[in-house]
Amino acid sequence: MKSIAPLSIVVCAIAASTFAGVLKAQESNPALTILSMKDGETMTIRLVTLVTSTCDPLFLSFDGLDVFEGPPELSLTFEPGEVRTFATNRDCPKLVPGGKVMATVKDIAAPKDSVLTFRVRFMTKQGPWQTTARYRMLLYPAAHPAEAKR
């Protein structure tokens, strides 16, 4: 019976370290938000702005949009304008300067599953700022006229 105890301690230690490794991997690779689009569609995929905790706007101007990873059939544009946002402790009651990142899909011949990673660079009252986003994109061909009637 005495020889079983040390063996069980070793097994528990190995299992605990393996489980901790799995948890750490999940923390560093969170689940991606899934977006689906059909050929020819355009949609807002991200609002961009920056405010203080009292909802005072900090956003001044858009500097650039960098696509690091994504399908060639998907294009991104930035549309400046007023957007609704929130501070850390509440929703902001008024629209604030900022903009929208718009995605457009063209020429999808077959369903495609890919990851989109991009960065938006902009100027704030506190200096240059950036935000990075990552999505799982499910892209589909446009429906045939017969399918659209169903």
N, C-alpha and C. Protein backbone atom coordinates (compact mmCIF):
# COMPACT_ATOMS: atom_id res chain seq x y z
N MET A 1 0.82 -1.19 0.00
CA MET A 1 0.00 0.00 0.00
C MET A 1 0.86 1.25 0.00
N LYS A 2 2.05 1.16 0.65
CA LYS A 2 2.93 2.31 0.73
C LYS A 2 3.48 2.69 -0.64
N SER A 3 3.67 1.73 -1.53
CA SER A 3 4.23 2.03 -2.86
C SER A 3 3.21 2.68 -3.78
N ILE A 4 1.93 2.54 -3.50
CA ILE A 4 0.89 3.15 -4.32
C ILE A 4 0.81 4.66 -4.07
N ALA A 5 1.01 5.09 -2.85
CA ALA A 5 0.89 6.52 -2.51
C ALA A 5 1.87 7.39 -3.30
N PRO A 6 3.18 7.06 -3.35
CA PRO A 6 4.08 7.91 -4.15
C PRO A 6 3.70 7.92 -5.63
N LEU A 7 3.28 6.78 -6.15
CA LEU A 7 2.89 6.70 -7.55
C LEU A 7 1.68 7.59 -7.82
N SER A 8 0.69 7.58 -6.93
CA SER A 8 -0.49 8.40 -7.13
C SER A 8 -0.16 9.89 -7.04
N ILE A 9 0.82 10.26 -6.20
CA ILE A 9 1.24 11.66 -6.12
C ILE A 9 1.87 12.09 -7.44
N VAL A 10 2.69 11.25 -8.04
CA VAL A 10 3.33 11.56 -9.32
C VAL A 10 2.28 11.70 -10.41
N VAL A 11 1.31 10.79 -10.46
CA VAL A 11 0.25 10.85 -11.47
C VAL A 11 -0.57 12.13 -11.32
N CYS A 12 -0.91 12.48 -10.07
CA CYS A 12 -1.68 13.72 -9.83
C CYS A 12 -0.88 14.94 -10.24
N ALA A 13 0.42 14.95 -9.97
CA ALA A 13 1.26 16.09 -10.34
C ALA A 13 1.32 16.25 -11.86
N ILE A 14 1.47 15.14 -12.58
CA ILE A 14 1.51 15.20 -14.04
C ILE A 14 0.17 15.67 -14.59
N ALA A 15 -0.92 15.16 -14.06
CA ALA A 15 -2.26 15.56 -14.53
C ALA A 15 -2.51 17.04 -14.25
N ALA A 16 -2.11 17.51 -13.08
CA ALA A 16 -2.32 18.92 -12.73
C ALA A 16 -1.53 19.84 -13.64
N SER A 17 -0.27 19.50 -13.94
CA SER A 17 0.53 20.36 -14.81
C SER A 17 0.00 20.34 -16.24
N THR A 18 -0.49 19.20 -16.70
CA THR A 18 -1.09 19.13 -18.04
C THR A 18 -2.36 19.97 -18.12
N PHE A 19 -3.21 19.87 -17.10
CA PHE A 19 -4.44 20.66 -17.06
C PHE A 19 -4.13 22.15 -17.01
N ALA A 20 -3.11 22.55 -16.24
CA ALA A 20 -2.71 23.96 -16.16
C ALA A 20 -2.23 24.45 -17.52
N GLY A 21 -1.52 23.60 -18.26
CA GLY A 21 -1.07 23.96 -19.60
C GLY A 21 -2.23 24.18 -20.56
N VAL A 22 -3.25 23.34 -20.46
CA VAL A 22 -4.44 23.49 -21.30
C VAL A 22 -5.15 24.80 -20.98
N LEU A 23 -5.30 25.11 -19.70
CA LEU A 23 -5.95 26.37 -19.30
C LEU A 23 -5.17 27.57 -19.79
N LYS A 24 -3.85 27.53 -19.69
CA LYS A 24 -3.02 28.65 -20.14
C LYS A 24 -3.15 28.83 -21.66
N ALA A 25 -3.19 27.75 -22.41
CA ALA A 25 -3.35 27.83 -23.86
C ALA A 25 -4.70 28.44 -24.22
N GLN A 26 -5.75 28.10 -23.46
CA GLN A 26 -7.06 28.68 -23.73
C GLN A 26 -7.08 30.16 -23.42
N GLU A 27 -6.36 30.59 -22.38
CA GLU A 27 -6.30 32.01 -22.03
C GLU A 27 -5.57 32.81 -23.11
N SER A 28 -4.49 32.25 -23.67
CA SER A 28 -3.72 32.97 -24.67
C SER A 28 -4.37 32.92 -26.06
N ASN A 29 -5.27 31.98 -26.30
CA ASN A 29 -5.98 31.86 -27.57
C ASN A 29 -7.48 31.84 -27.32
N PRO A 30 -8.06 33.00 -27.01
CA PRO A 30 -9.50 32.99 -26.74
C PRO A 30 -10.29 32.64 -28.00
N ALA A 31 -11.50 32.16 -27.80
CA ALA A 31 -12.36 31.81 -28.94
C ALA A 31 -12.62 33.05 -29.78
N LEU A 32 -12.56 32.89 -31.08
CA LEU A 32 -12.79 34.02 -31.98
C LEU A 32 -14.28 34.24 -32.20
N THR A 33 -14.66 35.50 -32.36
CA THR A 33 -16.02 35.83 -32.76
C THR A 33 -16.19 35.38 -34.20
N ILE A 34 -17.30 34.72 -34.50
CA ILE A 34 -17.56 34.22 -35.84
C ILE A 34 -18.50 35.18 -36.56
N LEU A 35 -18.10 35.59 -37.76
CA LEU A 35 -18.94 36.42 -38.62
C LEU A 35 -19.16 35.68 -39.93
N SER A 36 -20.37 35.76 -40.48
CA SER A 36 -20.64 35.11 -41.76
C SER A 36 -21.14 36.16 -42.75
N MET A 37 -20.70 36.01 -43.99
CA MET A 37 -21.09 36.94 -45.05
C MET A 37 -21.26 36.18 -46.35
N LYS A 38 -22.18 36.70 -47.19
CA LYS A 38 -22.36 36.16 -48.53
C LYS A 38 -21.69 37.08 -49.54
N ASP A 39 -21.36 36.50 -50.68
CA ASP A 39 -20.74 37.27 -51.77
C ASP A 39 -21.56 38.52 -52.08
N GLY A 40 -20.88 39.65 -52.17
CA GLY A 40 -21.54 40.90 -52.50
C GLY A 40 -22.00 41.71 -51.29
N GLU A 41 -21.94 41.14 -50.10
CA GLU A 41 -22.39 41.85 -48.90
C GLU A 41 -21.32 42.78 -48.34
N THR A 42 -21.79 43.84 -47.70
CA THR A 42 -20.94 44.75 -46.94
C THR A 42 -21.57 44.91 -45.57
N MET A 43 -20.74 44.83 -44.52
CA MET A 43 -21.28 44.99 -43.18
C MET A 43 -20.25 45.64 -42.25
N THR A 44 -20.75 46.28 -41.20
CA THR A 44 -19.90 46.86 -40.17
C THR A 44 -19.39 45.73 -39.29
N ILE A 45 -18.07 45.65 -39.13
CA ILE A 45 -17.54 44.59 -38.27
C ILE A 45 -16.89 45.14 -37.00
N ARG A 46 -16.67 46.46 -36.95
CA ARG A 46 -16.05 47.03 -35.74
C ARG A 46 -16.30 48.53 -35.69
N LEU A 47 -16.64 49.03 -34.51
CA LEU A 47 -16.73 50.47 -34.27
C LEU A 47 -15.41 50.90 -33.65
N VAL A 48 -14.93 52.08 -34.06
CA VAL A 48 -13.64 52.56 -33.57
C VAL A 48 -13.81 53.95 -32.98
N THR A 49 -13.41 54.14 -31.74
CA THR A 49 -13.39 55.43 -31.08
C THR A 49 -12.64 55.26 -29.77
N LEU A 50 -12.46 56.32 -29.04
CA LEU A 50 -11.84 56.26 -27.73
C LEU A 50 -12.43 57.38 -26.89
N VAL A 51 -12.84 57.05 -25.66
CA VAL A 51 -13.43 58.03 -24.76
C VAL A 51 -12.82 57.87 -23.36
N THR A 52 -12.98 58.91 -22.55
CA THR A 52 -12.55 58.83 -21.15
C THR A 52 -13.62 58.10 -20.35
N SER A 53 -13.38 57.89 -19.07
CA SER A 53 -14.36 57.22 -18.22
C SER A 53 -15.62 58.05 -18.04
N THR A 54 -15.56 59.35 -18.37
CA THR A 54 -16.74 60.23 -18.29
C THR A 54 -17.33 60.49 -19.67
N CYS A 55 -16.94 59.69 -20.65
CA CYS A 55 -17.46 59.73 -22.02
C CYS A 55 -17.00 60.95 -22.83
N ASP A 56 -15.94 61.63 -22.38
CA ASP A 56 -15.38 62.72 -23.19
C ASP A 56 -14.61 62.10 -24.35
N PRO A 57 -14.88 62.54 -25.59
CA PRO A 57 -14.23 61.92 -26.74
C PRO A 57 -12.74 62.27 -26.83
N LEU A 58 -11.94 61.28 -27.20
CA LEU A 58 -10.50 61.46 -27.38
C LEU A 58 -10.09 61.28 -28.84
N PHE A 59 -10.92 60.64 -29.66
CA PHE A 59 -10.62 60.35 -31.06
C PHE A 59 -10.48 61.65 -31.85
N LEU A 60 -9.39 61.77 -32.63
CA LEU A 60 -9.19 62.95 -33.49
C LEU A 60 -9.26 62.62 -34.97
N SER A 61 -8.48 61.61 -35.40
CA SER A 61 -8.45 61.29 -36.83
C SER A 61 -8.00 59.85 -37.06
N PHE A 62 -8.39 59.33 -38.21
CA PHE A 62 -8.04 57.99 -38.65
C PHE A 62 -6.68 58.05 -39.35
N ASP A 63 -5.77 57.12 -39.01
CA ASP A 63 -4.44 57.09 -39.64
C ASP A 63 -4.27 55.95 -40.64
N GLY A 64 -4.85 54.79 -40.37
CA GLY A 64 -4.65 53.69 -41.30
C GLY A 64 -5.27 52.40 -40.82
N LEU A 65 -5.39 51.48 -41.77
CA LEU A 65 -5.98 50.16 -41.53
C LEU A 65 -5.01 49.14 -42.11
N ASP A 66 -4.48 48.26 -41.27
CA ASP A 66 -3.51 47.26 -41.69
C ASP A 66 -4.11 45.87 -41.57
N VAL A 67 -4.20 45.14 -42.68
CA VAL A 67 -4.70 43.76 -42.66
C VAL A 67 -3.49 42.84 -42.58
N PHE A 68 -3.40 42.07 -41.50
CA PHE A 68 -2.28 41.16 -41.30
C PHE A 68 -2.57 39.76 -41.83
N GLU A 69 -3.85 39.38 -41.80
CA GLU A 69 -4.23 38.02 -42.19
C GLU A 69 -5.68 38.06 -42.62
N GLY A 70 -5.98 37.43 -43.75
CA GLY A 70 -7.36 37.39 -44.20
C GLY A 70 -7.47 36.92 -45.64
N PRO A 71 -8.67 36.52 -46.04
CA PRO A 71 -8.87 36.04 -47.41
C PRO A 71 -8.81 37.20 -48.41
N PRO A 72 -8.29 36.94 -49.61
CA PRO A 72 -8.19 38.01 -50.62
C PRO A 72 -9.56 38.50 -51.11
N GLU A 73 -10.61 37.70 -50.95
CA GLU A 73 -11.95 38.10 -51.39
C GLU A 73 -12.60 39.11 -50.45
N LEU A 74 -11.98 39.37 -49.32
CA LEU A 74 -12.54 40.26 -48.30
C LEU A 74 -11.72 41.56 -48.28
N SER A 75 -12.41 42.69 -48.41
CA SER A 75 -11.72 43.98 -48.33
C SER A 75 -12.30 44.79 -47.17
N LEU A 76 -11.45 45.60 -46.55
CA LEU A 76 -11.85 46.44 -45.43
C LEU A 76 -11.71 47.91 -45.77
N THR A 77 -12.65 48.71 -45.30
CA THR A 77 -12.58 50.16 -45.43
C THR A 77 -12.97 50.78 -44.11
N PHE A 78 -12.58 52.03 -43.93
CA PHE A 78 -12.94 52.77 -42.73
C PHE A 78 -13.84 53.92 -43.13
N GLU A 79 -14.98 54.04 -42.47
CA GLU A 79 -15.92 55.13 -42.71
C GLU A 79 -15.97 56.01 -41.47
N PRO A 80 -15.40 57.23 -41.55
CA PRO A 80 -15.43 58.10 -40.37
C PRO A 80 -16.85 58.60 -40.10
N GLY A 81 -17.13 58.89 -38.85
CA GLY A 81 -18.45 59.39 -38.48
C GLY A 81 -18.65 59.33 -36.98
N GLU A 82 -19.85 59.63 -36.56
CA GLU A 82 -20.20 59.59 -35.15
C GLU A 82 -20.66 58.17 -34.80
N VAL A 83 -20.20 57.66 -33.65
CA VAL A 83 -20.57 56.30 -33.23
C VAL A 83 -21.03 56.30 -31.78
N ARG A 84 -21.82 55.31 -31.43
CA ARG A 84 -22.26 55.12 -30.04
C ARG A 84 -21.25 54.20 -29.38
N THR A 85 -20.88 54.52 -28.15
CA THR A 85 -19.89 53.71 -27.46
C THR A 85 -20.21 53.66 -25.96
N PHE A 86 -19.29 53.14 -25.19
CA PHE A 86 -19.46 53.05 -23.74
C PHE A 86 -18.14 53.32 -23.06
N ALA A 87 -18.20 53.78 -21.83
CA ALA A 87 -17.02 53.93 -20.99
C ALA A 87 -16.93 52.71 -20.10
N THR A 88 -15.94 52.65 -19.25
CA THR A 88 -15.75 51.46 -18.42
C THR A 88 -16.92 51.22 -17.47
N ASN A 89 -17.62 52.27 -17.10
CA ASN A 89 -18.67 52.10 -16.10
C ASN A 89 -20.08 52.36 -16.60
N ARG A 90 -20.25 52.76 -17.87
CA ARG A 90 -21.60 53.06 -18.35
C ARG A 90 -21.61 53.27 -19.86
N ASP A 91 -22.81 53.24 -20.44
CA ASP A 91 -22.97 53.60 -21.84
C ASP A 91 -22.87 55.11 -21.97
N CYS A 92 -22.24 55.57 -23.04
CA CYS A 92 -22.14 57.01 -23.26
C CYS A 92 -23.45 57.48 -23.90
N PRO A 93 -24.05 58.56 -23.37
CA PRO A 93 -25.37 58.97 -23.85
C PRO A 93 -25.37 59.62 -25.23
N LYS A 94 -24.24 60.21 -25.64
CA LYS A 94 -24.18 60.91 -26.93
C LYS A 94 -23.25 60.20 -27.90
N LEU A 95 -23.51 60.42 -29.18
CA LEU A 95 -22.59 59.92 -30.19
C LEU A 95 -21.27 60.66 -30.06
N VAL A 96 -20.15 59.96 -30.38
CA VAL A 96 -18.83 60.56 -30.30
C VAL A 96 -18.09 60.37 -31.63
N PRO A 97 -17.08 61.21 -31.91
CA PRO A 97 -16.30 61.03 -33.14
C PRO A 97 -15.61 59.68 -33.17
N GLY A 98 -15.52 59.11 -34.34
CA GLY A 98 -14.88 57.80 -34.53
C GLY A 98 -15.16 57.31 -35.92
N GLY A 99 -15.52 56.05 -36.04
CA GLY A 99 -15.84 55.50 -37.35
C GLY A 99 -16.14 54.02 -37.29
N LYS A 100 -16.38 53.46 -38.46
CA LYS A 100 -16.73 52.04 -38.60
C LYS A 100 -15.75 51.36 -39.53
N VAL A 101 -15.36 50.14 -39.18
CA VAL A 101 -14.61 49.30 -40.11
C VAL A 101 -15.64 48.47 -40.85
N MET A 102 -15.66 48.61 -42.17
CA MET A 102 -16.61 47.92 -43.03
C MET A 102 -15.90 46.82 -43.81
N ALA A 103 -16.52 45.64 -43.88
CA ALA A 103 -15.99 44.51 -44.64
C ALA A 103 -16.89 44.27 -45.85
N THR A 104 -16.27 44.02 -47.00
CA THR A 104 -17.00 43.71 -48.23
C THR A 104 -16.44 42.42 -48.81
N VAL A 105 -17.33 41.53 -49.23
CA VAL A 105 -16.93 40.25 -49.82
C VAL A 105 -17.27 40.26 -51.31
N LYS A 106 -16.30 39.88 -52.12
CA LYS A 106 -16.50 39.79 -53.58
C LYS A 106 -15.85 38.54 -54.13
N ASP A 107 -16.52 37.93 -55.10
CA ASP A 107 -15.99 36.80 -55.87
C ASP A 107 -15.73 35.54 -55.06
N ILE A 108 -16.69 35.17 -54.20
CA ILE A 108 -16.60 33.90 -53.47
C ILE A 108 -17.28 32.82 -54.32
N ALA A 109 -16.50 31.86 -54.80
CA ALA A 109 -17.04 30.79 -55.65
C ALA A 109 -17.49 29.58 -54.83
N ALA A 110 -16.83 29.35 -53.69
CA ALA A 110 -17.14 28.21 -52.83
C ALA A 110 -17.04 28.67 -51.38
N PRO A 111 -17.74 28.01 -50.48
CA PRO A 111 -17.65 28.40 -49.07
C PRO A 111 -16.20 28.43 -48.58
N LYS A 112 -15.90 29.40 -47.74
CA LYS A 112 -14.53 29.57 -47.25
C LYS A 112 -14.56 29.90 -45.77
N ASP A 113 -13.67 29.30 -45.01
CA ASP A 113 -13.54 29.52 -43.57
C ASP A 113 -12.11 30.01 -43.33
N SER A 114 -11.97 31.25 -42.85
CA SER A 114 -10.62 31.79 -42.64
C SER A 114 -10.62 32.75 -41.46
N VAL A 115 -9.43 33.17 -41.07
CA VAL A 115 -9.27 34.11 -39.97
C VAL A 115 -8.90 35.47 -40.55
N LEU A 116 -9.50 36.52 -40.00
CA LEU A 116 -9.20 37.90 -40.38
C LEU A 116 -8.57 38.58 -39.17
N THR A 117 -7.38 39.13 -39.36
CA THR A 117 -6.70 39.89 -38.32
C THR A 117 -6.32 41.24 -38.90
N PHE A 118 -6.73 42.32 -38.23
CA PHE A 118 -6.40 43.66 -38.72
C PHE A 118 -6.18 44.62 -37.57
N ARG A 119 -5.52 45.74 -37.89
CA ARG A 119 -5.23 46.78 -36.92
C ARG A 119 -5.73 48.11 -37.46
N VAL A 120 -6.35 48.90 -36.59
CA VAL A 120 -6.79 50.25 -36.94
C VAL A 120 -5.89 51.22 -36.18
N ARG A 121 -5.25 52.14 -36.91
CA ARG A 121 -4.40 53.15 -36.30
C ARG A 121 -5.12 54.49 -36.36
N PHE A 122 -5.10 55.23 -35.25
CA PHE A 122 -5.76 56.53 -35.24
C PHE A 122 -5.08 57.47 -34.24
N MET A 123 -5.36 58.75 -34.39
CA MET A 123 -4.79 59.77 -33.53
C MET A 123 -5.82 60.16 -32.48
N THR A 124 -5.37 60.33 -31.24
CA THR A 124 -6.23 60.76 -30.16
C THR A 124 -5.65 62.03 -29.54
N LYS A 125 -6.38 62.62 -28.63
CA LYS A 125 -5.90 63.80 -27.91
C LYS A 125 -4.68 63.46 -27.05
N GLN A 126 -4.48 62.18 -26.78
CA GLN A 126 -3.34 61.72 -25.99
C GLN A 126 -2.20 61.20 -26.85
N GLY A 127 -2.34 61.25 -28.17
CA GLY A 127 -1.30 60.76 -29.07
C GLY A 127 -1.79 59.61 -29.93
N PRO A 128 -0.86 58.96 -30.68
CA PRO A 128 -1.26 57.85 -31.55
C PRO A 128 -1.79 56.67 -30.74
N TRP A 129 -2.75 55.97 -31.33
CA TRP A 129 -3.39 54.83 -30.68
C TRP A 129 -3.67 53.78 -31.72
N GLN A 130 -3.88 52.55 -31.29
CA GLN A 130 -4.25 51.48 -32.22
C GLN A 130 -5.08 50.44 -31.50
N THR A 131 -5.86 49.72 -32.29
CA THR A 131 -6.63 48.60 -31.77
C THR A 131 -6.55 47.48 -32.80
N THR A 132 -6.42 46.26 -32.32
CA THR A 132 -6.32 45.09 -33.19
C THR A 132 -7.54 44.21 -32.97
N ALA A 133 -8.06 43.64 -34.04
CA ALA A 133 -9.22 42.75 -33.96
C ALA A 133 -8.93 41.48 -34.75
N ARG A 134 -9.56 40.40 -34.31
CA ARG A 134 -9.39 39.11 -34.98
C ARG A 134 -10.73 38.39 -35.00
N TYR A 135 -11.15 37.93 -36.17
CA TYR A 135 -12.44 37.26 -36.34
C TYR A 135 -12.26 36.00 -37.17
N ARG A 136 -13.14 35.04 -36.94
CA ARG A 136 -13.25 33.89 -37.83
C ARG A 136 -14.32 34.25 -38.84
N MET A 137 -13.97 34.23 -40.11
CA MET A 137 -14.87 34.64 -41.19
C MET A 137 -15.36 33.42 -41.96
N LEU A 138 -16.68 33.28 -42.04
CA LEU A 138 -17.31 32.24 -42.85
C LEU A 138 -17.90 32.94 -44.06
N LEU A 139 -17.33 32.68 -45.22
CA LEU A 139 -17.74 33.36 -46.45
C LEU A 139 -18.43 32.37 -47.38
N TYR A 140 -19.53 32.83 -47.99
CA TYR A 140 -20.35 31.96 -48.82
C TYR A 140 -20.67 32.63 -50.15
N PRO A 141 -20.84 31.80 -51.21
CA PRO A 141 -21.29 32.36 -52.49
C PRO A 141 -22.70 32.93 -52.34
N ALA A 142 -23.05 33.85 -53.23
CA ALA A 142 -24.41 34.41 -53.22
C ALA A 142 -25.40 33.31 -53.57
N ALA A 143 -26.59 33.41 -53.03
CA ALA A 143 -27.63 32.42 -53.30
C ALA A 143 -28.07 32.50 -54.76
N HIS A 144 -28.37 31.36 -55.33
CA HIS A 144 -28.91 31.33 -56.68
C HIS A 144 -30.34 31.84 -56.63
N PRO A 145 -30.88 32.42 -57.72
CA PRO A 145 -32.24 32.94 -57.70
C PRO A 145 -33.29 31.92 -57.23
N ALA A 146 -33.12 30.65 -57.60
CA ALA A 146 -34.09 29.63 -57.17
C ALA A 146 -34.02 29.42 -55.66
N GLU A 147 -32.82 29.49 -55.08
CA GLU A 147 -32.68 29.32 -53.65
C GLU A 147 -33.22 30.53 -52.89
N ALA A 148 -33.09 31.71 -53.45
CA ALA A 148 -33.52 32.93 -52.79
C ALA A 148 -35.05 32.97 -52.62
N LYS A 149 -35.80 32.29 -53.50
CA LYS A 149 -37.25 32.27 -53.44
C LYS A 149 -37.79 31.41 -52.31
N ARG A 150 -36.97 30.45 -51.83
CA ARG A 150 -37.42 29.54 -50.78
C ARG A 150 -37.64 30.20 -49.48
